Amino acid sequence: LSGGNQQKVILGRWTSELIDTKLLILDEPTKGIDVK
């Protein structure tokens, strides 16, 4: 996958309906990702 799609996979992991995420820490979430 491209870098942007890899980042979306991580987001999908932590924000699924099976996880009760209260605090989400994003460290350089847009590094190496295109403007769109």
PDB file of all heavy atoms in Angstrom:
ATOM      1  N   LEU A   1       0.825  -1.203   0.000  1.00  0.00           N
ATOM      2  CA  LEU A   1       0.000   0.000   0.000  1.00  0.00           C
ATOM      3  C   LEU A   1       0.859   1.254   0.000  1.00  0.00           C
ATOM      4  O   LEU A   1       2.017   1.245   0.431  1.00  0.00           O
ATOM      5  CB  LEU A   1      -0.910   0.022   1.235  1.00  0.00           C
ATOM      6  CG  LEU A   1      -1.900  -1.120   1.420  1.00  0.00           C
ATOM      7  CD1 LEU A   1      -2.642  -0.949   2.738  1.00  0.00           C
ATOM      8  CD2 LEU A   1      -2.881  -1.180   0.258  1.00  0.00           C
ATOM      9  N   SER A   2       0.272   2.362  -0.439  1.00  0.00           N
ATOM     10  CA  SER A   2       0.949   3.654  -0.340  1.00  0.00           C
ATOM     11  C   SER A   2       0.987   4.087   1.116  1.00  0.00           C
ATOM     12  O   SER A   2       0.274   3.545   1.974  1.00  0.00           O
ATOM     13  CB  SER A   2       0.199   4.699  -1.170  1.00  0.00           C
ATOM     14  OG  SER A   2      -1.078   4.955  -0.584  1.00  0.00           O
ATOM     15  N   GLY A   3       1.812   5.102   1.411  1.00  0.00           N
ATOM     16  CA  GLY A   3       1.943   5.584   2.781  1.00  0.00           C
ATOM     17  C   GLY A   3       0.633   6.067   3.372  1.00  0.00           C
ATOM     18  O   GLY A   3       0.316   5.800   4.538  1.00  0.00           O
ATOM     19  N   GLY A   4      -0.158   6.786   2.565  1.00  0.00           N
ATOM     20  CA  GLY A   4      -1.434   7.292   3.052  1.00  0.00           C
ATOM     21  C   GLY A   4      -2.397   6.177   3.392  1.00  0.00           C
ATOM     22  O   GLY A   4      -3.099   6.231   4.409  1.00  0.00           O
ATOM     23  N   ASN A   5      -2.443   5.145   2.561  1.00  0.00           N
ATOM     24  CA  ASN A   5      -3.329   4.018   2.823  1.00  0.00           C
ATOM     25  C   ASN A   5      -2.845   3.184   4.003  1.00  0.00           C
ATOM     26  O   ASN A   5      -3.655   2.627   4.757  1.00  0.00           O
ATOM     27  CB  ASN A   5      -3.477   3.157   1.568  1.00  0.00           C
ATOM     28  CG  ASN A   5      -4.361   3.810   0.527  1.00  0.00           C
ATOM     29  OD1 ASN A   5      -5.476   4.207   0.817  1.00  0.00           O
ATOM     30  ND2 ASN A   5      -3.863   3.937  -0.694  1.00  0.00           N
ATOM     31  N   GLN A   6      -1.528   3.100   4.191  1.00  0.00           N
ATOM     32  CA  GLN A   6      -1.000   2.427   5.378  1.00  0.00           C
ATOM     33  C   GLN A   6      -1.455   3.154   6.645  1.00  0.00           C
ATOM     34  O   GLN A   6      -1.840   2.528   7.638  1.00  0.00           O
ATOM     35  CB  GLN A   6       0.524   2.372   5.327  1.00  0.00           C
ATOM     36  CG  GLN A   6       1.078   1.408   4.308  1.00  0.00           C
ATOM     37  CD  GLN A   6       2.586   1.425   4.250  1.00  0.00           C
ATOM     38  OE1 GLN A   6       3.248   2.303   4.811  1.00  0.00           O
ATOM     39  NE2 GLN A   6       3.166   0.443   3.562  1.00  0.00           N
ATOM     40  N   GLN A   7      -1.413   4.499   6.612  1.00  0.00           N
ATOM     41  CA  GLN A   7      -1.848   5.272   7.771  1.00  0.00           C
ATOM     42  C   GLN A   7      -3.332   5.041   8.052  1.00  0.00           C
ATOM     43  O   GLN A   7      -3.762   4.943   9.208  1.00  0.00           O
ATOM     44  CB  GLN A   7      -1.590   6.762   7.537  1.00  0.00           C
ATOM     45  CG  GLN A   7      -1.764   7.632   8.782  1.00  0.00           C
ATOM     46  CD  GLN A   7      -0.691   7.361   9.813  1.00  0.00           C
ATOM     47  OE1 GLN A   7       0.488   7.305   9.506  1.00  0.00           O
ATOM     48  NE2 GLN A   7      -1.092   7.171  11.048  1.00  0.00           N
ATOM     49  N   LYS A   8      -4.125   4.923   6.998  1.00  0.00           N
ATOM     50  CA  LYS A   8      -5.554   4.681   7.173  1.00  0.00           C
ATOM     51  C   LYS A   8      -5.815   3.306   7.781  1.00  0.00           C
ATOM     52  O   LYS A   8      -6.783   3.122   8.529  1.00  0.00           O
ATOM     53  CB  LYS A   8      -6.275   4.811   5.832  1.00  0.00           C
ATOM     54  CG  LYS A   8      -6.353   6.237   5.296  1.00  0.00           C
ATOM     55  CD  LYS A   8      -7.051   6.263   3.941  1.00  0.00           C
ATOM     56  CE  LYS A   8      -7.140   7.667   3.368  1.00  0.00           C
ATOM     57  NZ  LYS A   8      -7.823   7.675   2.051  1.00  0.00           N
ATOM     58  N   VAL A   9      -4.963   2.330   7.468  1.00  0.00           N
ATOM     59  CA  VAL A   9      -5.103   1.003   8.069  1.00  0.00           C
ATOM     60  C   VAL A   9      -4.929   1.097   9.586  1.00  0.00           C
ATOM     61  O   VAL A   9      -5.682   0.486  10.359  1.00  0.00           O
ATOM     62  CB  VAL A   9      -4.090   0.000   7.467  1.00  0.00           C
ATOM     63  CG1 VAL A   9      -4.061  -1.298   8.273  1.00  0.00           C
ATOM     64  CG2 VAL A   9      -4.443  -0.299   6.015  1.00  0.00           C
ATOM     65  N   ILE A  10      -3.939   1.880  10.025  1.00  0.00           N
ATOM     66  CA  ILE A  10      -3.720   2.042  11.469  1.00  0.00           C
ATOM     67  C   ILE A  10      -4.919   2.716  12.119  1.00  0.00           C
ATOM     68  O   ILE A  10      -5.380   2.308  13.188  1.00  0.00           O
ATOM     69  CB  ILE A  10      -2.434   2.850  11.736  1.00  0.00           C
ATOM     70  CG1 ILE A  10      -1.217   2.141  11.143  1.00  0.00           C
ATOM     71  CG2 ILE A  10      -2.231   3.038  13.237  1.00  0.00           C
ATOM     72  CD1 ILE A  10       0.083   2.899  11.295  1.00  0.00           C
ATOM     73  N   LEU A  11      -5.446   3.746  11.467  1.00  0.00           N
ATOM     74  CA  LEU A  11      -6.627   4.420  12.003  1.00  0.00           C
ATOM     75  C   LEU A  11      -7.813   3.463  12.063  1.00  0.00           C
ATOM     76  O   LEU A  11      -8.584   3.459  13.031  1.00  0.00           O
ATOM     77  CB  LEU A  11      -6.974   5.639  11.146  1.00  0.00           C
ATOM     78  CG  LEU A  11      -5.989   6.811  11.204  1.00  0.00           C
ATOM     79  CD1 LEU A  11      -6.362   7.869  10.175  1.00  0.00           C
ATOM     80  CD2 LEU A  11      -5.954   7.425  12.595  1.00  0.00           C
ATOM     81  N   GLY A  12      -7.958   2.643  11.034  1.00  0.00           N
ATOM     82  CA  GLY A  12      -9.042   1.673  11.016  1.00  0.00           C
ATOM     83  C   GLY A  12      -8.921   0.656  12.136  1.00  0.00           C
ATOM     84  O   GLY A  12      -9.926   0.194  12.692  1.00  0.00           O
ATOM     85  N   ARG A  13      -7.691   0.320  12.480  1.00  0.00           N
ATOM     86  CA  ARG A  13      -7.459  -0.627  13.568  1.00  0.00           C
ATOM     87  C   ARG A  13      -7.969  -0.083  14.906  1.00  0.00           C
ATOM     88  O   ARG A  13      -8.613  -0.775  15.678  1.00  0.00           O
ATOM     89  CB  ARG A  13      -5.971  -0.932  13.676  1.00  0.00           C
ATOM     90  CG  ARG A  13      -5.605  -1.720  14.936  1.00  0.00           C
ATOM     91  CD  ARG A  13      -4.113  -1.657  15.189  1.00  0.00           C
ATOM     92  NE  ARG A  13      -3.370  -2.273  14.103  1.00  0.00           N
ATOM     93  CZ  ARG A  13      -2.080  -2.059  13.879  1.00  0.00           C
ATOM     94  NH1 ARG A  13      -1.414  -1.202  14.633  1.00  0.00           N
ATOM     95  NH2 ARG A  13      -1.475  -2.670  12.893  1.00  0.00           N
ATOM     96  N   TRP A  14      -7.648   1.183  15.176  1.00  0.00           N
ATOM     97  CA  TRP A  14      -7.904   1.745  16.501  1.00  0.00           C
ATOM     98  C   TRP A  14      -9.287   2.371  16.650  1.00  0.00           C
ATOM     99  O   TRP A  14      -9.648   2.783  17.760  1.00  0.00           O
ATOM    100  CB  TRP A  14      -6.843   2.773  16.850  1.00  0.00           C
ATOM    101  CG  TRP A  14      -5.474   2.209  17.026  1.00  0.00           C
ATOM    102  CD1 TRP A  14      -4.340   2.571  16.353  1.00  0.00           C
ATOM    103  CD2 TRP A  14      -5.071   1.183  17.940  1.00  0.00           C
ATOM    104  NE1 TRP A  14      -3.268   1.835  16.772  1.00  0.00           N
ATOM    105  CE2 TRP A  14      -3.697   0.975  17.753  1.00  0.00           C
ATOM    106  CE3 TRP A  14      -5.762   0.420  18.881  1.00  0.00           C
ATOM    107  CZ2 TRP A  14      -2.985   0.027  18.478  1.00  0.00           C
ATOM    108  CZ3 TRP A  14      -5.045  -0.522  19.610  1.00  0.00           C
ATOM    109  CH2 TRP A  14      -3.674  -0.705  19.407  1.00  0.00           C
ATOM    110  N   THR A  15     -10.047   2.468  15.582  1.00  0.00           N
ATOM    111  CA  THR A  15     -11.351   3.136  15.698  1.00  0.00           C
ATOM    112  C   THR A  15     -12.492   2.245  15.230  1.00  0.00           C
ATOM    113  O   THR A  15     -13.558   2.732  14.871  1.00  0.00           O
ATOM    114  CB  THR A  15     -11.352   4.446  14.879  1.00  0.00           C
ATOM    115  OG1 THR A  15     -11.020   4.163  13.510  1.00  0.00           O
ATOM    116  CG2 THR A  15     -10.353   5.442  15.436  1.00  0.00           C
ATOM    117  N   SER A  16     -12.278   0.932  15.260  1.00  0.00           N
ATOM    118  CA  SER A  16     -13.358   0.021  14.893  1.00  0.00           C
ATOM    119  C   SER A  16     -14.398  -0.011  16.010  1.00  0.00           C
ATOM    120  O   SER A  16     -14.139   0.402  17.142  1.00  0.00           O
ATOM    121  CB  SER A  16     -12.816  -1.383  14.647  1.00  0.00           C
ATOM    122  OG  SER A  16     -12.561  -2.055  15.875  1.00  0.00           O
ATOM    123  N   GLU A  17     -15.582  -0.541  15.681  1.00  0.00           N
ATOM    124  CA  GLU A  17     -16.672  -0.611  16.666  1.00  0.00           C
ATOM    125  C   GLU A  17     -16.370  -1.586  17.793  1.00  0.00           C
ATOM    126  O   GLU A  17     -17.063  -1.588  18.828  1.00  0.00           O
ATOM    127  CB  GLU A  17     -17.978  -1.004  15.975  1.00  0.00           C
ATOM    128  CG  GLU A  17     -17.966  -2.368  15.333  1.00  0.00           C
ATOM    129  CD  GLU A  17     -17.514  -2.371  13.876  1.00  0.00           C
ATOM    130  OE1 GLU A  17     -16.758  -1.444  13.496  1.00  0.00           O
ATOM    131  OE2 GLU A  17     -17.895  -3.282  13.137  1.00  0.00           O
ATOM    132  N   LEU A  18     -15.323  -2.408  17.648  1.00  0.00           N
ATOM    133  CA  LEU A  18     -14.978  -3.375  18.686  1.00  0.00           C
ATOM    134  C   LEU A  18     -13.980  -2.827  19.696  1.00  0.00           C
ATOM    135  O   LEU A  18     -13.610  -3.516  20.646  1.00  0.00           O
ATOM    136  CB  LEU A  18     -14.403  -4.651  18.045  1.00  0.00           C
ATOM    137  CG  LEU A  18     -15.345  -5.425  17.118  1.00  0.00           C
ATOM    138  CD1 LEU A  18     -14.682  -6.703  16.637  1.00  0.00           C
ATOM    139  CD2 LEU A  18     -16.658  -5.745  17.825  1.00  0.00           C
ATOM    140  N   ILE A  19     -13.529  -1.584  19.488  1.00  0.00           N
ATOM    141  CA  ILE A  19     -12.568  -0.963  20.408  1.00  0.00           C
ATOM    142  C   ILE A  19     -13.181   0.308  20.982  1.00  0.00           C
ATOM    143  O   ILE A  19     -13.666   1.166  20.236  1.00  0.00           O
ATOM    144  CB  ILE A  19     -11.243  -0.626  19.700  1.00  0.00           C
ATOM    145  CG1 ILE A  19     -10.509  -1.910  19.312  1.00  0.00           C
ATOM    146  CG2 ILE A  19     -10.351   0.232  20.570  1.00  0.00           C
ATOM    147  CD1 ILE A  19      -9.143  -1.684  18.738  1.00  0.00           C
ATOM    148  N   ASP A  20     -13.120   0.437  22.291  1.00  0.00           N
ATOM    149  CA  ASP A  20     -13.625   1.637  22.956  1.00  0.00           C
ATOM    150  C   ASP A  20     -12.457   2.596  23.169  1.00  0.00           C
ATOM    151  O   ASP A  20     -11.932   2.725  24.271  1.00  0.00           O
ATOM    152  CB  ASP A  20     -14.277   1.270  24.291  1.00  0.00           C
ATOM    153  CG  ASP A  20     -14.850   2.494  24.997  1.00  0.00           C
ATOM    154  OD1 ASP A  20     -15.112   3.502  24.319  1.00  0.00           O
ATOM    155  OD2 ASP A  20     -15.030   2.434  26.236  1.00  0.00           O
ATOM    156  N   THR A  21     -12.029   3.245  22.090  1.00  0.00           N
ATOM    157  CA  THR A  21     -10.902   4.169  22.175  1.00  0.00           C
ATOM    158  C   THR A  21     -11.364   5.488  22.796  1.00  0.00           C
ATOM    159  O   THR A  21     -12.242   6.156  22.260  1.00  0.00           O
ATOM    160  CB  THR A  21     -10.300   4.429  20.780  1.00  0.00           C
ATOM    161  OG1 THR A  21      -9.808   3.194  20.244  1.00  0.00           O
ATOM    162  CG2 THR A  21      -9.159   5.425  20.851  1.00  0.00           C
ATOM    163  N   LYS A  22     -10.745   5.825  23.901  1.00  0.00           N
ATOM    164  CA  LYS A  22     -11.039   7.084  24.578  1.00  0.00           C
ATOM    165  C   LYS A  22     -10.017   8.157  24.210  1.00  0.00           C
ATOM    166  O   LYS A  22     -10.362   9.332  24.047  1.00  0.00           O
ATOM    167  CB  LYS A  22     -11.036   6.886  26.098  1.00  0.00           C
ATOM    168  CG  LYS A  22     -12.070   5.909  26.610  1.00  0.00           C
ATOM    169  CD  LYS A  22     -11.931   5.722  28.111  1.00  0.00           C
ATOM    170  CE  LYS A  22     -12.954   4.722  28.643  1.00  0.00           C
ATOM    171  NZ  LYS A  22     -12.775   4.499  30.108  1.00  0.00           N
ATOM    172  N   LEU A  23      -8.756   7.729  24.096  1.00  0.00           N
ATOM    173  CA  LEU A  23      -7.659   8.655  23.797  1.00  0.00           C
ATOM    174  C   LEU A  23      -6.886   8.136  22.602  1.00  0.00           C
ATOM    175  O   LEU A  23      -6.383   7.010  22.614  1.00  0.00           O
ATOM    176  CB  LEU A  23      -6.724   8.776  25.005  1.00  0.00           C
ATOM    177  CG  LEU A  23      -5.437   9.577  24.804  1.00  0.00           C
ATOM    178  CD1 LEU A  23      -5.734  11.037  24.482  1.00  0.00           C
ATOM    179  CD2 LEU A  23      -4.541   9.480  26.040  1.00  0.00           C
ATOM    180  N   LEU A  24      -6.800   8.935  21.541  1.00  0.00           N
ATOM    181  CA  LEU A  24      -6.086   8.563  20.315  1.00  0.00           C
ATOM    182  C   LEU A  24      -4.865   9.463  20.162  1.00  0.00           C
ATOM    183  O   LEU A  24      -4.992  10.688  20.069  1.00  0.00           O
ATOM    184  CB  LEU A  24      -7.009   8.713  19.105  1.00  0.00           C
ATOM    185  CG  LEU A  24      -6.433   8.359  17.735  1.00  0.00           C
ATOM    186  CD1 LEU A  24      -5.997   6.897  17.689  1.00  0.00           C
ATOM    187  CD2 LEU A  24      -7.443   8.642  16.638  1.00  0.00           C
ATOM    188  N   ILE A  25      -3.680   8.858  20.150  1.00  0.00           N
ATOM    189  CA  ILE A  25      -2.424   9.605  20.008  1.00  0.00           C
ATOM    190  C   ILE A  25      -1.918   9.418  18.589  1.00  0.00           C
ATOM    191  O   ILE A  25      -1.652   8.291  18.149  1.00  0.00           O
ATOM    192  CB  ILE A  25      -1.367   9.116  21.014  1.00  0.00           C
ATOM    193  CG1 ILE A  25      -1.914   9.167  22.446  1.00  0.00           C
ATOM    194  CG2 ILE A  25      -0.102   9.966  20.903  1.00  0.00           C
ATOM    195  CD1 ILE A  25      -1.008   8.510  23.470  1.00  0.00           C
ATOM    196  N   LEU A  26      -1.787  10.518  17.855  1.00  0.00           N
ATOM    197  CA  LEU A  26      -1.327  10.487  16.463  1.00  0.00           C
ATOM    198  C   LEU A  26       0.035  11.178  16.389  1.00  0.00           C
ATOM    199  O   LEU A  26       0.138  12.391  16.565  1.00  0.00           O
ATOM    200  CB  LEU A  26      -2.330  11.210  15.560  1.00  0.00           C
ATOM    201  CG  LEU A  26      -3.771  10.699  15.611  1.00  0.00           C
ATOM    202  CD1 LEU A  26      -4.690  11.620  14.820  1.00  0.00           C
ATOM    203  CD2 LEU A  26      -3.847   9.282  15.075  1.00  0.00           C
ATOM    204  N   ASP A  27       1.080  10.396  16.137  1.00  0.00           N
ATOM    205  CA  ASP A  27       2.438  10.942  16.073  1.00  0.00           C
ATOM    206  C   ASP A  27       2.863  11.027  14.610  1.00  0.00           C
ATOM    207  O   ASP A  27       3.068  10.004  13.959  1.00  0.00           O
ATOM    208  CB  ASP A  27       3.388  10.039  16.862  1.00  0.00           C
ATOM    209  CG  ASP A  27       4.748  10.691  17.108  1.00  0.00           C
ATOM    210  OD1 ASP A  27       4.985  11.797  16.568  1.00  0.00           O
ATOM    211  OD2 ASP A  27       5.569  10.101  17.833  1.00  0.00           O
ATOM    212  N   GLU A  28       2.975  12.235  14.095  1.00  0.00           N
ATOM    213  CA  GLU A  28       3.333  12.505  12.690  1.00  0.00           C
ATOM    214  C   GLU A  28       2.423  11.715  11.740  1.00  0.00           C
ATOM    215  O   GLU A  28       2.895  10.970  10.865  1.00  0.00           O
ATOM    216  CB  GLU A  28       4.805  12.151  12.417  1.00  0.00           C
ATOM    217  CG  GLU A  28       5.807  12.897  13.273  1.00  0.00           C
ATOM    218  CD  GLU A  28       5.978  14.356  12.860  1.00  0.00           C
ATOM    219  OE1 GLU A  28       5.235  14.815  11.982  1.00  0.00           O
ATOM    220  OE2 GLU A  28       6.856  15.036  13.424  1.00  0.00           O
ATOM    221  N   PRO A  29       1.100  11.875  11.860  1.00  0.00           N
ATOM    222  CA  PRO A  29       0.185  11.055  11.053  1.00  0.00           C
ATOM    223  C   PRO A  29       0.193  11.370   9.568  1.00  0.00           C
ATOM    224  O   PRO A  29      -0.316  10.573   8.777  1.00  0.00           O
ATOM    225  CB  PRO A  29      -1.184  11.376  11.665  1.00  0.00           C
ATOM    226  CG  PRO A  29      -1.042  12.746  12.225  1.00  0.00           C
ATOM    227  CD  PRO A  29       0.370  12.804  12.745  1.00  0.00           C
ATOM    228  N   THR A  30       0.751  12.530   9.161  1.00  0.00           N
ATOM    229  CA  THR A  30       0.737  12.880   7.738  1.00  0.00           C
ATOM    230  C   THR A  30       2.130  12.860   7.110  1.00  0.00           C
ATOM    231  O   THR A  30       2.304  13.329   5.994  1.00  0.00           O
ATOM    232  CB  THR A  30       0.110  14.268   7.524  1.00  0.00           C
ATOM    233  OG1 THR A  30       0.935  15.265   8.143  1.00  0.00           O
ATOM    234  CG2 THR A  30      -1.289  14.336   8.117  1.00  0.00           C
ATOM    235  N   LYS A  31       3.116  12.292   7.810  1.00  0.00           N
ATOM    236  CA  LYS A  31       4.475  12.262   7.265  1.00  0.00           C
ATOM    237  C   LYS A  31       4.524  11.408   5.999  1.00  0.00           C
ATOM    238  O   LYS A  31       4.077  10.262   5.984  1.00  0.00           O
ATOM    239  CB  LYS A  31       5.452  11.704   8.312  1.00  0.00           C
ATOM    240  CG  LYS A  31       6.903  11.721   7.855  1.00  0.00           C
ATOM    241  CD  LYS A  31       7.853  11.446   9.001  1.00  0.00           C
ATOM    242  CE  LYS A  31       7.827   9.999   9.418  1.00  0.00           C
ATOM    243  NZ  LYS A  31       8.869   9.686  10.424  1.00  0.00           N
ATOM    244  N   GLY A  32       5.046  11.975   4.923  1.00  0.00           N
ATOM    245  CA  GLY A  32       5.163  11.241   3.670  1.00  0.00           C
ATOM    246  C   GLY A  32       3.847  10.996   2.971  1.00  0.00           C
ATOM    247  O   GLY A  32       3.724  10.066   2.176  1.00  0.00           O
ATOM    248  N   ILE A  33       2.844  11.860   3.237  1.00  0.00           N
ATOM    249  CA  ILE A  33       1.504  11.669   2.678  1.00  0.00           C
ATOM    250  C   ILE A  33       1.147  12.859   1.793  1.00  0.00           C
ATOM    251  O   ILE A  33       1.481  14.011   2.108  1.00  0.00           O
ATOM    252  CB  ILE A  33       0.477  11.487   3.819  1.00  0.00           C
ATOM    253  CG1 ILE A  33       0.708  10.132   4.499  1.00  0.00           C
ATOM    254  CG2 ILE A  33      -0.945  11.582   3.322  1.00  0.00           C
ATOM    255  CD1 ILE A  33      -0.161   9.883   5.689  1.00  0.00           C
ATOM    256  N   ASP A  34       0.436  12.606   0.700  1.00  0.00           N
ATOM    257  CA  ASP A  34       0.116  13.653  -0.263  1.00  0.00           C
ATOM    258  C   ASP A  34      -0.944  14.612   0.284  1.00  0.00           C
ATOM    259  O   ASP A  34      -1.621  14.335   1.279  1.00  0.00           O
ATOM    260  CB  ASP A  34      -0.360  13.038  -1.575  1.00  0.00           C
ATOM    261  CG  ASP A  34      -1.651  12.254  -1.385  1.00  0.00           C
ATOM    262  OD1 ASP A  34      -2.723  12.876  -1.375  1.00  0.00           O
ATOM    263  OD2 ASP A  34      -1.586  11.029  -1.240  1.00  0.00           O
ATOM    264  N   VAL A  35      -1.111  15.742  -0.401  1.00  0.00           N
ATOM    265  CA  VAL A  35      -1.962  16.818   0.103  1.00  0.00           C
ATOM    266  C   VAL A  35      -3.431  16.418   0.215  1.00  0.00           C
ATOM    267  O   VAL A  35      -4.124  16.823   1.155  1.00  0.00           O
ATOM    268  CB  VAL A  35      -1.829  18.082  -0.778  1.00  0.00           C
ATOM    269  CG1 VAL A  35      -0.495  18.739  -0.572  1.00  0.00           C
ATOM    270  CG2 VAL A  35      -2.041  17.759  -2.254  1.00  0.00           C
ATOM    271  N   LYS A  36      -3.916  15.621  -0.725  1.00  0.00           N
ATOM    272  CA  LYS A  36      -5.318  15.221  -0.663  1.00  0.00           C
ATOM    273  C   LYS A  36      -5.570  14.310   0.536  1.00  0.00           C
ATOM    274  O   LYS A  36      -6.549  14.485   1.274  1.00  0.00           O
ATOM    275  CB  LYS A  36      -5.725  14.503  -1.952  1.00  0.00           C
ATOM    276  CG  LYS A  36      -7.195  14.082  -1.964  1.00  0.00           C
ATOM    277  CD  LYS A  36      -7.543  13.288  -3.208  1.00  0.00           C
ATOM    278  CE  LYS A  36      -8.971  12.788  -3.181  1.00  0.00           C
ATOM    279  NZ  LYS A  36      -9.297  11.914  -4.322  1.00  0.00           N
TER     280      LYS A  36
END
